[in-house]
Each structure stands twice: as C-alpha cells, then as structure tokens.
C-alpha cells in the first residue's frame, strides 16, 4: 500500500468519525425531525427548549431559558413581519419588523428582553410551552402553515405536516 493511499484511508476514516460525532452531538429533537421535506423547506422550526432548565420559578431568567428556534435554510433574507408562532393552547407570538438573514437562526424566548439579530422576546410572565406535550406551529403573514414541531406522550421527536 502506498503512502498516499494510507493517507486517503485515514482521511476518509477521520471524516466518517467526525460525521458520526457531529450527528451524536445534535439535540435529540433536531436530529429526530430532519426529513426530505424539511431539507427543502425555506423556513423551519429547528429546535425547541420547552422545559426550562432548573426550577420553574417564573423568573425572567427561567422564562428566557424556554425558547423556539426558527431557521432560514435559504441564502435569501426572509421577512417574518406578521408571521406567528403559537402553541396548542393558542398562545401566539407575532413577529414585528423582523427580517431573518439567509442561513441564519433566530431564538424566540418566552420572557422579557430586548430584541436583537438572533434573539427576540415574547415579553411574557408565564411559560408557554408545556413540558409534557405540546406543538409549536409557525405560520406566515397570511396565516398559511409553514412548519410545526411536536413533543410529548403521543410523539417521538419532531412531527411535521
């Protein structure tokens, strides 16, 4: 075996190992719901932290540790003005004057805060996302379904229509 083929084999093994380690490091929900439809979709719900770490004491810190991530999978900016993010109980957040850059993610926090490029805040004083089961649904400014992510008793990982 030549030195160059040994290097190629080692390089290929390193790429495979890095890919496996990277896949294992993904959050469970993010890894569970990637399918062909989502790969082609322009804007998706990419992750949810529905159970705020630590005690559920309704402090602003705890409320902001509960969030939903929305990802723009295209290269183009998407205007999210008027888009909504809601739960099964009808709690709804409406994006106002927000443009999501291409290949970018915004985190929608439950509590109060100052909106920034990658973080926006619902300014709520109570939790939105149920720990046992719920569905986050994203709709565009015309009310058309864009994506959803479900978790809990009746769901294994993400669920999308």
N, C-alpha and C. Protein backbone atom coordinates (compact mmCIF):
# COMPACT_ATOMS: atom_id res chain seq x y z
N UNK A 1 0.86 -1.16 0.00
CA UNK A 1 0.00 0.00 0.00
C UNK A 1 0.91 1.23 0.00
N UNK A 2 0.56 2.21 -0.86
CA UNK A 2 1.38 3.42 -0.95
C UNK A 2 1.06 4.36 0.20
N UNK A 3 1.94 5.32 0.42
CA UNK A 3 1.73 6.31 1.49
C UNK A 3 0.51 7.16 1.20
N UNK A 4 0.30 7.51 -0.08
CA UNK A 4 -0.85 8.37 -0.41
C UNK A 4 -2.18 7.63 -0.19
N UNK A 5 -2.24 6.33 -0.47
CA UNK A 5 -3.50 5.61 -0.22
C UNK A 5 -3.74 5.45 1.28
N UNK A 6 -2.67 5.32 2.07
CA UNK A 6 -2.82 5.26 3.52
C UNK A 6 -3.38 6.58 4.05
N UNK A 7 -2.85 7.67 3.53
CA UNK A 7 -3.33 9.00 3.95
C UNK A 7 -4.80 9.17 3.56
N UNK A 8 -5.14 8.73 2.33
CA UNK A 8 -6.54 8.84 1.89
C UNK A 8 -7.46 8.03 2.78
N UNK A 9 -7.05 6.82 3.15
CA UNK A 9 -7.87 5.97 4.02
C UNK A 9 -8.03 6.60 5.39
N UNK A 10 -6.95 7.12 5.96
CA UNK A 10 -7.01 7.78 7.26
C UNK A 10 -7.89 9.02 7.19
N UNK A 11 -7.78 9.79 6.11
CA UNK A 11 -8.61 10.98 5.94
C UNK A 11 -10.08 10.60 5.86
N UNK A 12 -10.38 9.56 5.09
CA UNK A 12 -11.77 9.11 4.97
C UNK A 12 -12.30 8.63 6.31
N UNK A 13 -11.49 7.91 7.07
CA UNK A 13 -11.91 7.44 8.39
C UNK A 13 -12.16 8.62 9.32
N UNK A 14 -11.32 9.65 9.24
CA UNK A 14 -11.50 10.83 10.09
C UNK A 14 -12.79 11.56 9.74
N UNK A 15 -13.10 11.66 8.45
CA UNK A 15 -14.35 12.32 8.03
C UNK A 15 -15.56 11.55 8.55
N UNK A 16 -15.53 10.23 8.42
CA UNK A 16 -16.63 9.40 8.91
C UNK A 16 -16.77 9.57 10.42
N UNK A 17 -15.68 9.53 11.16
CA UNK A 17 -15.73 9.67 12.61
C UNK A 17 -16.26 11.04 13.00
N UNK A 18 -15.81 12.09 12.32
CA UNK A 18 -16.29 13.45 12.63
C UNK A 18 -17.78 13.57 12.35
N UNK A 19 -18.24 12.95 11.27
CA UNK A 19 -19.66 12.99 10.94
C UNK A 19 -20.48 12.28 12.01
N UNK A 20 -20.01 11.13 12.47
CA UNK A 20 -20.74 10.40 13.50
C UNK A 20 -20.76 11.16 14.81
N UNK A 21 -19.65 11.77 15.19
CA UNK A 21 -19.59 12.55 16.43
C UNK A 21 -20.52 13.76 16.31
N UNK A 22 -20.50 14.42 15.16
CA UNK A 22 -21.36 15.58 14.94
C UNK A 22 -22.83 15.23 15.02
N UNK A 23 -23.22 14.10 14.44
CA UNK A 23 -24.63 13.67 14.50
C UNK A 23 -25.04 13.35 15.92
N UNK A 24 -24.15 12.75 16.69
CA UNK A 24 -24.47 12.39 18.07
C UNK A 24 -24.60 13.64 18.94
N UNK A 25 -23.95 14.73 18.56
CA UNK A 25 -23.98 15.94 19.37
C UNK A 25 -25.22 16.79 19.14
N UNK A 26 -25.99 16.50 18.10
CA UNK A 26 -27.20 17.27 17.83
C UNK A 26 -28.23 17.08 18.93
N UNK A 27 -29.01 18.13 19.24
CA UNK A 27 -30.12 17.93 20.19
C UNK A 27 -31.05 16.85 19.66
N UNK A 28 -31.63 16.06 20.56
CA UNK A 28 -32.46 14.94 20.13
C UNK A 28 -33.57 15.38 19.20
N UNK A 29 -34.26 16.46 19.54
CA UNK A 29 -35.36 16.89 18.69
C UNK A 29 -34.89 17.32 17.32
N UNK A 30 -33.78 18.03 17.26
CA UNK A 30 -33.29 18.49 15.97
C UNK A 30 -32.91 17.30 15.10
N UNK A 31 -32.33 16.27 15.71
CA UNK A 31 -31.91 15.10 14.95
C UNK A 31 -33.11 14.26 14.51
N UNK A 32 -34.17 14.22 15.32
CA UNK A 32 -35.31 13.34 15.04
C UNK A 32 -36.19 13.80 13.89
N UNK A 33 -36.21 15.09 13.57
CA UNK A 33 -37.21 15.52 12.61
C UNK A 33 -36.67 16.02 11.29
N UNK A 34 -35.42 15.70 10.97
CA UNK A 34 -34.91 16.09 9.66
C UNK A 34 -35.30 15.02 8.65
N UNK A 35 -36.14 15.42 7.71
CA UNK A 35 -36.51 14.53 6.63
C UNK A 35 -36.38 15.31 5.33
N UNK A 36 -36.70 14.70 4.21
CA UNK A 36 -36.55 15.34 2.91
C UNK A 36 -37.33 16.63 2.79
N UNK A 37 -38.56 16.67 3.29
CA UNK A 37 -39.38 17.87 3.18
C UNK A 37 -38.71 19.02 3.89
N UNK A 38 -38.20 18.78 5.09
CA UNK A 38 -37.59 19.85 5.87
C UNK A 38 -36.33 20.36 5.19
N UNK A 39 -35.60 19.50 4.53
CA UNK A 39 -34.37 19.94 3.88
C UNK A 39 -34.68 20.91 2.75
N UNK A 40 -35.83 20.78 2.11
CA UNK A 40 -36.22 21.64 1.00
C UNK A 40 -36.97 22.88 1.47
N UNK A 41 -37.47 22.88 2.70
CA UNK A 41 -38.28 23.96 3.20
C UNK A 41 -37.42 25.19 3.49
N UNK A 42 -37.93 26.37 3.14
CA UNK A 42 -37.16 27.59 3.31
C UNK A 42 -36.98 27.96 4.79
N UNK A 43 -38.07 27.94 5.56
CA UNK A 43 -38.02 28.33 6.97
C UNK A 43 -38.60 27.20 7.80
N UNK A 44 -37.88 26.81 8.87
CA UNK A 44 -38.32 25.69 9.71
C UNK A 44 -38.16 26.01 11.19
N UNK A 45 -38.91 25.27 12.00
CA UNK A 45 -38.66 25.27 13.44
C UNK A 45 -37.54 24.26 13.64
N UNK A 46 -36.37 24.73 14.02
CA UNK A 46 -35.20 23.86 14.06
C UNK A 46 -34.92 23.26 15.43
N UNK A 47 -35.42 23.88 16.51
CA UNK A 47 -35.20 23.34 17.86
C UNK A 47 -36.17 24.01 18.83
N UNK A 48 -36.47 23.28 19.92
CA UNK A 48 -37.32 23.82 20.98
C UNK A 48 -36.73 23.43 22.33
N UNK A 49 -36.62 24.40 23.21
CA UNK A 49 -36.28 24.13 24.62
C UNK A 49 -37.55 24.42 25.40
N UNK A 50 -38.40 23.38 25.57
CA UNK A 50 -39.71 23.58 26.17
C UNK A 50 -39.69 23.43 27.69
N UNK A 51 -38.68 22.79 28.23
CA UNK A 51 -38.58 22.61 29.69
C UNK A 51 -37.39 23.42 30.17
N UNK A 52 -37.67 24.60 30.67
CA UNK A 52 -36.62 25.49 31.13
C UNK A 52 -35.75 24.78 32.16
N UNK A 53 -34.42 24.78 31.97
CA UNK A 53 -33.54 24.11 32.94
C UNK A 53 -33.68 24.72 34.33
N UNK A 54 -33.55 23.90 35.35
CA UNK A 54 -33.65 24.39 36.73
C UNK A 54 -35.10 24.45 37.20
N UNK A 55 -35.31 25.21 38.27
CA UNK A 55 -36.65 25.34 38.85
C UNK A 55 -37.53 26.21 37.98
N UNK A 56 -38.79 25.81 37.82
CA UNK A 56 -39.76 26.63 37.10
C UNK A 56 -40.31 27.68 38.07
N UNK A 57 -39.54 28.76 38.29
CA UNK A 57 -39.94 29.77 39.27
C UNK A 57 -40.50 31.04 38.62
N UNK A 58 -40.69 31.01 37.33
CA UNK A 58 -41.24 32.12 36.54
C UNK A 58 -40.38 33.38 36.59
N UNK A 59 -39.12 33.23 36.97
CA UNK A 59 -38.21 34.37 36.90
C UNK A 59 -37.96 34.66 35.42
N UNK A 60 -37.59 35.87 35.09
CA UNK A 60 -37.32 36.21 33.70
C UNK A 60 -36.21 35.34 33.13
N UNK A 61 -35.22 35.03 33.96
CA UNK A 61 -34.12 34.16 33.52
C UNK A 61 -34.65 32.78 33.13
N UNK A 62 -35.52 32.21 33.97
CA UNK A 62 -36.10 30.90 33.68
C UNK A 62 -37.01 30.96 32.46
N UNK A 63 -37.82 32.00 32.36
CA UNK A 63 -38.71 32.16 31.19
C UNK A 63 -37.91 32.25 29.90
N UNK A 64 -36.79 32.94 29.93
CA UNK A 64 -35.99 33.11 28.71
C UNK A 64 -35.15 31.88 28.37
N UNK A 65 -35.08 30.93 29.31
CA UNK A 65 -34.41 29.65 29.03
C UNK A 65 -35.37 28.69 28.32
N UNK A 66 -36.61 29.12 28.12
CA UNK A 66 -37.60 28.40 27.31
C UNK A 66 -37.65 29.14 25.97
N UNK A 67 -37.42 28.41 24.87
CA UNK A 67 -37.34 29.09 23.58
C UNK A 67 -37.64 28.14 22.42
N UNK A 68 -37.87 28.77 21.26
CA UNK A 68 -38.05 28.05 19.99
C UNK A 68 -37.09 28.69 18.99
N UNK A 69 -36.40 27.87 18.22
CA UNK A 69 -35.52 28.40 17.18
C UNK A 69 -36.16 28.25 15.81
N UNK A 70 -36.11 29.34 15.05
CA UNK A 70 -36.61 29.38 13.68
C UNK A 70 -35.40 29.57 12.77
N UNK A 71 -35.26 28.72 11.76
CA UNK A 71 -34.10 28.76 10.89
C UNK A 71 -34.50 29.03 9.44
N UNK A 72 -33.77 29.95 8.81
CA UNK A 72 -33.91 30.23 7.38
C UNK A 72 -32.87 29.38 6.67
N UNK A 73 -33.33 28.40 5.90
CA UNK A 73 -32.44 27.46 5.23
C UNK A 73 -32.00 27.93 3.85
N UNK A 74 -32.43 29.12 3.44
CA UNK A 74 -32.07 29.65 2.13
C UNK A 74 -30.95 30.67 2.27
N UNK A 75 -30.46 31.14 1.15
CA UNK A 75 -29.43 32.19 1.16
C UNK A 75 -30.05 33.58 1.23
N UNK A 76 -31.35 33.67 0.95
CA UNK A 76 -32.02 34.97 0.89
C UNK A 76 -32.62 35.36 2.24
N UNK A 77 -32.69 36.66 2.49
CA UNK A 77 -33.36 37.19 3.68
C UNK A 77 -34.85 36.88 3.57
N UNK A 78 -35.48 36.50 4.69
CA UNK A 78 -36.92 36.26 4.72
C UNK A 78 -37.54 37.28 5.69
N UNK A 79 -38.54 38.00 5.21
CA UNK A 79 -39.24 38.97 6.03
C UNK A 79 -40.28 38.23 6.86
N UNK A 80 -40.09 38.17 8.19
CA UNK A 80 -41.01 37.45 9.07
C UNK A 80 -42.09 38.37 9.65
N UNK A 81 -42.15 39.62 9.22
CA UNK A 81 -43.14 40.56 9.74
C UNK A 81 -44.55 39.99 9.58
N UNK A 82 -45.27 39.87 10.69
CA UNK A 82 -46.64 39.33 10.66
C UNK A 82 -46.72 37.82 10.80
N UNK A 83 -45.59 37.11 10.78
CA UNK A 83 -45.60 35.66 10.97
C UNK A 83 -45.91 35.37 12.43
N UNK A 84 -46.49 34.21 12.70
CA UNK A 84 -46.85 33.85 14.07
C UNK A 84 -46.25 32.52 14.48
N UNK A 85 -45.97 32.42 15.78
CA UNK A 85 -45.52 31.19 16.41
C UNK A 85 -46.49 30.92 17.55
N UNK A 86 -47.15 29.76 17.54
CA UNK A 86 -48.17 29.50 18.55
C UNK A 86 -48.05 28.10 19.12
N UNK A 87 -48.70 27.91 20.29
CA UNK A 87 -48.74 26.59 20.92
C UNK A 87 -50.16 26.03 20.79
N UNK A 88 -50.37 24.82 21.32
CA UNK A 88 -51.69 24.18 21.22
C UNK A 88 -52.78 24.92 21.99
N UNK A 89 -52.40 25.70 23.02
CA UNK A 89 -53.38 26.43 23.82
C UNK A 89 -53.73 27.79 23.23
N UNK A 90 -53.12 28.14 22.11
CA UNK A 90 -53.44 29.40 21.45
C UNK A 90 -52.57 30.58 21.84
N UNK A 91 -51.56 30.36 22.69
CA UNK A 91 -50.61 31.45 22.98
C UNK A 91 -49.88 31.75 21.68
N UNK A 92 -49.90 33.00 21.26
CA UNK A 92 -49.34 33.36 19.95
C UNK A 92 -48.38 34.53 20.06
N UNK A 93 -47.23 34.36 19.45
CA UNK A 93 -46.25 35.44 19.32
C UNK A 93 -46.27 35.88 17.86
N UNK A 94 -46.33 37.18 17.61
CA UNK A 94 -46.30 37.71 16.25
C UNK A 94 -45.00 38.48 16.04
N UNK A 95 -44.28 38.10 14.99
CA UNK A 95 -43.05 38.81 14.65
C UNK A 95 -43.41 40.20 14.13
N UNK A 96 -42.70 41.21 14.60
CA UNK A 96 -42.90 42.60 14.17
C UNK A 96 -41.60 43.16 13.62
N UNK A 97 -41.62 43.57 12.38
CA UNK A 97 -40.47 44.23 11.76
C UNK A 97 -39.19 43.41 11.94
N UNK A 98 -39.27 42.13 11.61
CA UNK A 98 -38.10 41.27 11.77
C UNK A 98 -37.77 40.59 10.45
N UNK A 99 -36.51 40.69 10.06
CA UNK A 99 -36.01 40.04 8.84
C UNK A 99 -34.94 39.03 9.26
N UNK A 100 -35.14 37.78 8.83
CA UNK A 100 -34.20 36.71 9.18
C UNK A 100 -33.22 36.52 8.03
N UNK A 101 -31.95 36.76 8.32
CA UNK A 101 -30.90 36.64 7.30
C UNK A 101 -30.85 35.22 6.74
N UNK A 102 -30.27 35.10 5.54
CA UNK A 102 -30.08 33.80 4.92
C UNK A 102 -29.17 32.93 5.75
N UNK A 103 -29.46 31.63 5.77
CA UNK A 103 -28.65 30.65 6.52
C UNK A 103 -28.47 31.10 7.97
N UNK A 104 -29.57 31.57 8.59
CA UNK A 104 -29.49 32.12 9.93
C UNK A 104 -30.63 31.60 10.79
N UNK A 105 -30.46 31.73 12.11
CA UNK A 105 -31.45 31.25 13.08
C UNK A 105 -31.77 32.35 14.07
N UNK A 106 -33.05 32.45 14.43
CA UNK A 106 -33.47 33.35 15.50
C UNK A 106 -34.07 32.51 16.61
N UNK A 107 -33.78 32.88 17.84
CA UNK A 107 -34.32 32.19 19.01
C UNK A 107 -35.42 33.07 19.60
N UNK A 108 -36.62 32.50 19.71
CA UNK A 108 -37.78 33.22 20.27
C UNK A 108 -37.91 32.81 21.74
N UNK A 109 -37.53 33.72 22.64
CA UNK A 109 -37.57 33.47 24.08
C UNK A 109 -38.95 33.82 24.63
N UNK A 110 -39.36 33.14 25.69
CA UNK A 110 -40.67 33.38 26.29
C UNK A 110 -40.72 34.66 27.11
N UNK A 111 -39.68 34.96 27.87
CA UNK A 111 -39.69 36.09 28.80
C UNK A 111 -39.47 37.44 28.15
N UNK A 112 -39.08 38.39 29.00
CA UNK A 112 -38.88 39.76 28.56
C UNK A 112 -37.42 40.00 28.20
N UNK A 113 -37.21 40.89 27.23
CA UNK A 113 -35.85 41.23 26.83
C UNK A 113 -35.87 42.19 25.66
N UNK A 114 -34.69 42.55 25.22
CA UNK A 114 -34.54 43.46 24.09
C UNK A 114 -34.25 42.65 22.84
N UNK A 115 -35.11 42.79 21.84
CA UNK A 115 -34.92 42.06 20.59
C UNK A 115 -33.58 42.42 19.95
N UNK A 116 -32.94 41.42 19.38
CA UNK A 116 -31.65 41.59 18.71
C UNK A 116 -31.66 40.73 17.45
N UNK A 117 -30.56 40.69 16.76
CA UNK A 117 -30.46 39.99 15.48
C UNK A 117 -30.82 38.51 15.58
N UNK A 118 -30.37 37.82 16.63
CA UNK A 118 -30.58 36.37 16.75
C UNK A 118 -31.45 35.97 17.94
N UNK A 119 -32.03 36.95 18.64
CA UNK A 119 -32.88 36.68 19.80
C UNK A 119 -34.03 37.68 19.82
N UNK A 120 -35.26 37.15 19.91
CA UNK A 120 -36.43 38.01 20.11
C UNK A 120 -37.17 37.50 21.33
N UNK A 121 -38.02 38.35 21.90
CA UNK A 121 -38.65 38.03 23.18
C UNK A 121 -40.16 38.22 23.10
N UNK A 122 -40.90 37.26 23.67
CA UNK A 122 -42.36 37.33 23.68
C UNK A 122 -42.86 38.29 24.77
N UNK A 123 -42.00 38.64 25.72
CA UNK A 123 -42.34 39.54 26.83
C UNK A 123 -43.49 39.01 27.68
N UNK A 124 -43.46 37.71 27.95
CA UNK A 124 -44.48 37.06 28.79
C UNK A 124 -43.95 36.87 30.21
N UNK A 125 -44.88 36.72 31.14
CA UNK A 125 -44.52 36.47 32.54
C UNK A 125 -44.91 35.08 32.99
N UNK A 126 -45.38 34.27 32.04
CA UNK A 126 -45.72 32.86 32.30
C UNK A 126 -45.15 32.01 31.19
N UNK A 127 -44.91 30.73 31.49
CA UNK A 127 -44.39 29.80 30.50
C UNK A 127 -45.43 29.57 29.41
N UNK A 128 -44.97 29.28 28.21
CA UNK A 128 -45.85 29.00 27.08
C UNK A 128 -45.86 27.51 26.75
N UNK A 129 -44.68 26.92 26.63
CA UNK A 129 -44.55 25.55 26.11
C UNK A 129 -44.72 24.54 27.23
N UNK A 130 -45.67 23.63 27.07
CA UNK A 130 -45.93 22.59 28.07
C UNK A 130 -44.78 21.58 28.08
N UNK A 131 -44.36 21.17 29.26
CA UNK A 131 -43.27 20.22 29.40
C UNK A 131 -43.69 18.80 29.00
N UNK A 132 -44.95 18.43 29.23
CA UNK A 132 -45.36 17.05 28.96
C UNK A 132 -45.67 16.81 27.48
N UNK A 133 -46.33 17.75 26.83
CA UNK A 133 -46.58 17.63 25.39
C UNK A 133 -47.11 18.95 24.87
N UNK A 134 -46.78 19.26 23.64
CA UNK A 134 -47.25 20.49 23.02
C UNK A 134 -46.82 20.46 21.56
N UNK A 135 -47.24 21.47 20.81
CA UNK A 135 -46.83 21.64 19.42
C UNK A 135 -46.56 23.11 19.19
N UNK A 136 -45.39 23.41 18.66
CA UNK A 136 -45.06 24.77 18.21
C UNK A 136 -45.41 24.84 16.73
N UNK A 137 -46.21 25.84 16.35
CA UNK A 137 -46.64 25.97 14.95
C UNK A 137 -46.24 27.34 14.42
N UNK A 138 -45.63 27.35 13.25
CA UNK A 138 -45.20 28.58 12.59
C UNK A 138 -46.10 28.81 11.37
N UNK A 139 -46.65 30.03 11.27
CA UNK A 139 -47.49 30.41 10.13
C UNK A 139 -46.97 31.72 9.55
N UNK A 140 -47.16 31.90 8.23
CA UNK A 140 -46.69 33.13 7.62
C UNK A 140 -47.69 34.26 7.84
N UNK A 141 -47.42 35.43 7.26
CA UNK A 141 -48.25 36.61 7.48
C UNK A 141 -49.65 36.48 6.88
N UNK A 142 -49.90 35.45 6.08
CA UNK A 142 -51.24 35.19 5.53
C UNK A 142 -51.94 34.06 6.27
N UNK A 143 -51.31 33.59 7.36
CA UNK A 143 -51.90 32.51 8.15
C UNK A 143 -51.67 31.13 7.60
N UNK A 144 -50.84 31.01 6.57
CA UNK A 144 -50.57 29.71 5.96
C UNK A 144 -49.54 28.95 6.77
N UNK A 145 -49.80 27.65 6.94
CA UNK A 145 -48.91 26.76 7.68
C UNK A 145 -47.53 26.74 7.04
N UNK A 146 -46.50 26.90 7.86
CA UNK A 146 -45.11 26.81 7.40
C UNK A 146 -44.44 25.56 7.97
N UNK A 147 -44.52 25.37 9.29
CA UNK A 147 -43.87 24.22 9.93
C UNK A 147 -44.42 24.05 11.34
N UNK A 148 -44.23 22.87 11.90
CA UNK A 148 -44.55 22.65 13.31
C UNK A 148 -43.59 21.62 13.89
N UNK A 149 -43.55 21.60 15.20
CA UNK A 149 -42.72 20.62 15.91
C UNK A 149 -43.49 20.22 17.15
N UNK A 150 -43.69 18.92 17.33
CA UNK A 150 -44.45 18.39 18.47
C UNK A 150 -43.56 17.54 19.35
N UNK A 151 -43.93 17.44 20.63
CA UNK A 151 -43.22 16.59 21.57
C UNK A 151 -44.19 16.08 22.62
N UNK A 152 -43.78 15.03 23.34
CA UNK A 152 -44.57 14.54 24.47
C UNK A 152 -45.11 13.15 24.28
N UNK A 153 -46.14 12.84 25.06
CA UNK A 153 -46.69 11.49 25.17
C UNK A 153 -46.98 10.84 23.83
N UNK A 154 -47.60 11.54 22.93
CA UNK A 154 -48.05 10.94 21.67
C UNK A 154 -47.06 11.12 20.54
N UNK A 155 -45.90 11.66 20.83
CA UNK A 155 -44.95 11.96 19.76
C UNK A 155 -43.57 11.43 20.12
N UNK A 156 -42.88 10.96 19.08
CA UNK A 156 -41.49 10.57 19.23
C UNK A 156 -40.67 11.57 18.45
N UNK A 157 -40.03 12.49 19.16
CA UNK A 157 -39.24 13.52 18.47
C UNK A 157 -40.17 14.49 17.79
N UNK A 158 -39.71 15.06 16.72
CA UNK A 158 -40.49 16.07 15.99
C UNK A 158 -41.54 15.44 15.11
N UNK A 159 -42.56 16.19 14.81
CA UNK A 159 -43.63 15.77 13.93
C UNK A 159 -43.99 16.94 13.04
N UNK A 160 -43.99 16.73 11.74
CA UNK A 160 -44.26 17.83 10.82
C UNK A 160 -45.32 17.42 9.82
N UNK A 161 -46.12 18.39 9.44
CA UNK A 161 -47.13 18.16 8.41
C UNK A 161 -46.58 18.54 7.07
